[in-house]
Amino acid sequence: MAKDEKARAKGQQVKGKIQKEAGRAVGNDRLAAKGGAKETEGQAREAKEKAKDVFKP
C-alpha cells in the first residue's frame, strides 16, 4: 500500500509541476498558483509516506 501511495504522490507532483509551468507559459498566475499548490501537496504526501516507512517495524 505504501508504494501505491508514493506513486500517487509522485503523480500529483508531476501534474502540479506541469500545471504550474503551463500557467507560467501563458501568463496565467491563478493556474500557476494552483499547480504549485498541487505540487506542494504531493511533496507533503510523499514525506508522510517516507516518515511512515521510518517507523515501520
C-alpha atoms as a PDB file:
ATOM      1  CA  MET A   1       0.000   0.000   0.000  1.00  0.00           C
ATOM      2  CA  ALA A   2       2.841   2.401   0.751  1.00  0.00           C
ATOM      3  CA  LYS A   3       4.252   2.037  -2.762  1.00  0.00           C
ATOM      4  CA  ASP A   4       0.831   2.832  -4.193  1.00  0.00           C
ATOM      5  CA  GLU A   5       0.580   5.991  -2.070  1.00  0.00           C
ATOM      6  CA  LYS A   6       4.109   7.041  -3.012  1.00  0.00           C
ATOM      7  CA  ALA A   7       3.255   6.608  -6.686  1.00  0.00           C
ATOM      8  CA  ARG A   8       0.129   8.733  -6.264  1.00  0.00           C
ATOM      9  CA  ALA A   9       2.176  11.416  -4.509  1.00  0.00           C
ATOM     10  CA  LYS A  10       4.738  11.450  -7.337  1.00  0.00           C
ATOM     11  CA  GLY A  11       1.951  11.626  -9.910  1.00  0.00           C
ATOM     12  CA  GLN A  12       0.405  14.557  -8.100  1.00  0.00           C
ATOM     13  CA  GLN A  13       3.763  16.325  -8.025  1.00  0.00           C
ATOM     14  CA  VAL A  14       4.217  15.846 -11.764  1.00  0.00           C
ATOM     15  CA  LYS A  15       0.690  17.043 -12.562  1.00  0.00           C
ATOM     16  CA  GLY A  16       1.209  20.082 -10.358  1.00  0.00           C
ATOM     17  CA  LYS A  17       4.533  20.925 -11.973  1.00  0.00           C
ATOM     18  CA  ILE A  18       3.025  20.668 -15.457  1.00  0.00           C
ATOM     19  CA  GLN A  19       0.075  22.828 -14.444  1.00  0.00           C
ATOM     20  CA  LYS A  20       2.372  25.384 -12.818  1.00  0.00           C
ATOM     21  CA  GLU A  21       4.657  25.618 -15.848  1.00  0.00           C
ATOM     22  CA  ALA A  22       1.692  25.835 -18.225  1.00  0.00           C
ATOM     23  CA  GLY A  23       0.306  28.699 -16.167  1.00  0.00           C
ATOM     24  CA  ARG A  24       3.637  30.492 -16.286  1.00  0.00           C
ATOM     25  CA  ALA A  25       3.954  29.933 -20.028  1.00  0.00           C
ATOM     26  CA  VAL A  26       0.603  31.527 -20.819  1.00  0.00           C
ATOM     27  CA  GLY A  27       0.869  34.185 -18.114  1.00  0.00           C
ATOM     28  CA  ASN A  28      -1.989  32.821 -16.012  1.00  0.00           C
ATOM     29  CA  ASP A  29      -0.992  33.422 -12.386  1.00  0.00           C
ATOM     30  CA  ARG A  30      -4.029  31.609 -10.992  1.00  0.00           C
ATOM     31  CA  LEU A  31      -3.244  28.419 -12.925  1.00  0.00           C
ATOM     32  CA  ALA A  32       0.399  28.626 -11.877  1.00  0.00           C
ATOM     33  CA  ALA A  33      -0.612  29.019  -8.223  1.00  0.00           C
ATOM     34  CA  LYS A  34      -3.000  26.059  -8.390  1.00  0.00           C
ATOM     35  CA  GLY A  35      -0.258  23.941  -9.945  1.00  0.00           C
ATOM     36  CA  GLY A  36       2.235  24.997  -7.291  1.00  0.00           C
ATOM     37  CA  ALA A  37      -0.225  24.092  -4.551  1.00  0.00           C
ATOM     38  CA  LYS A  38      -0.864  20.690  -6.105  1.00  0.00           C
ATOM     39  CA  GLU A  39       2.878  20.061  -6.388  1.00  0.00           C
ATOM     40  CA  THR A  40       3.421  21.026  -2.746  1.00  0.00           C
ATOM     41  CA  GLU A  41       0.578  18.761  -1.643  1.00  0.00           C
ATOM     42  CA  GLY A  42       2.216  15.870  -3.490  1.00  0.00           C
ATOM     43  CA  GLN A  43       5.521  16.592  -1.767  1.00  0.00           C
ATOM     44  CA  ALA A  44       3.789  16.573   1.627  1.00  0.00           C
ATOM     45  CA  ARG A  45       2.121  13.245   0.851  1.00  0.00           C
ATOM     46  CA  GLU A  46       5.452  11.749  -0.172  1.00  0.00           C
ATOM     47  CA  ALA A  47       7.111  12.997   3.019  1.00  0.00           C
ATOM     48  CA  LYS A  48       4.298  11.451   5.074  1.00  0.00           C
ATOM     49  CA  GLU A  49       4.814   8.082   3.390  1.00  0.00           C
ATOM     50  CA  LYS A  50       8.576   8.255   3.930  1.00  0.00           C
ATOM     51  CA  ALA A  51       8.015   9.029   7.614  1.00  0.00           C
ATOM     52  CA  LYS A  52       5.709   6.037   7.907  1.00  0.00           C
ATOM     53  CA  ASP A  53       8.474   3.848   6.432  1.00  0.00           C
ATOM     54  CA  VAL A  54      10.949   5.054   9.044  1.00  0.00           C
ATOM     55  CA  PHE A  55       8.691   3.997  11.899  1.00  0.00           C
ATOM     56  CA  LYS A  56       7.693   0.712  10.303  1.00  0.00           C
ATOM     57  CA  PRO A  57       8.727  -2.319  12.432  1.00  0.00           C
END
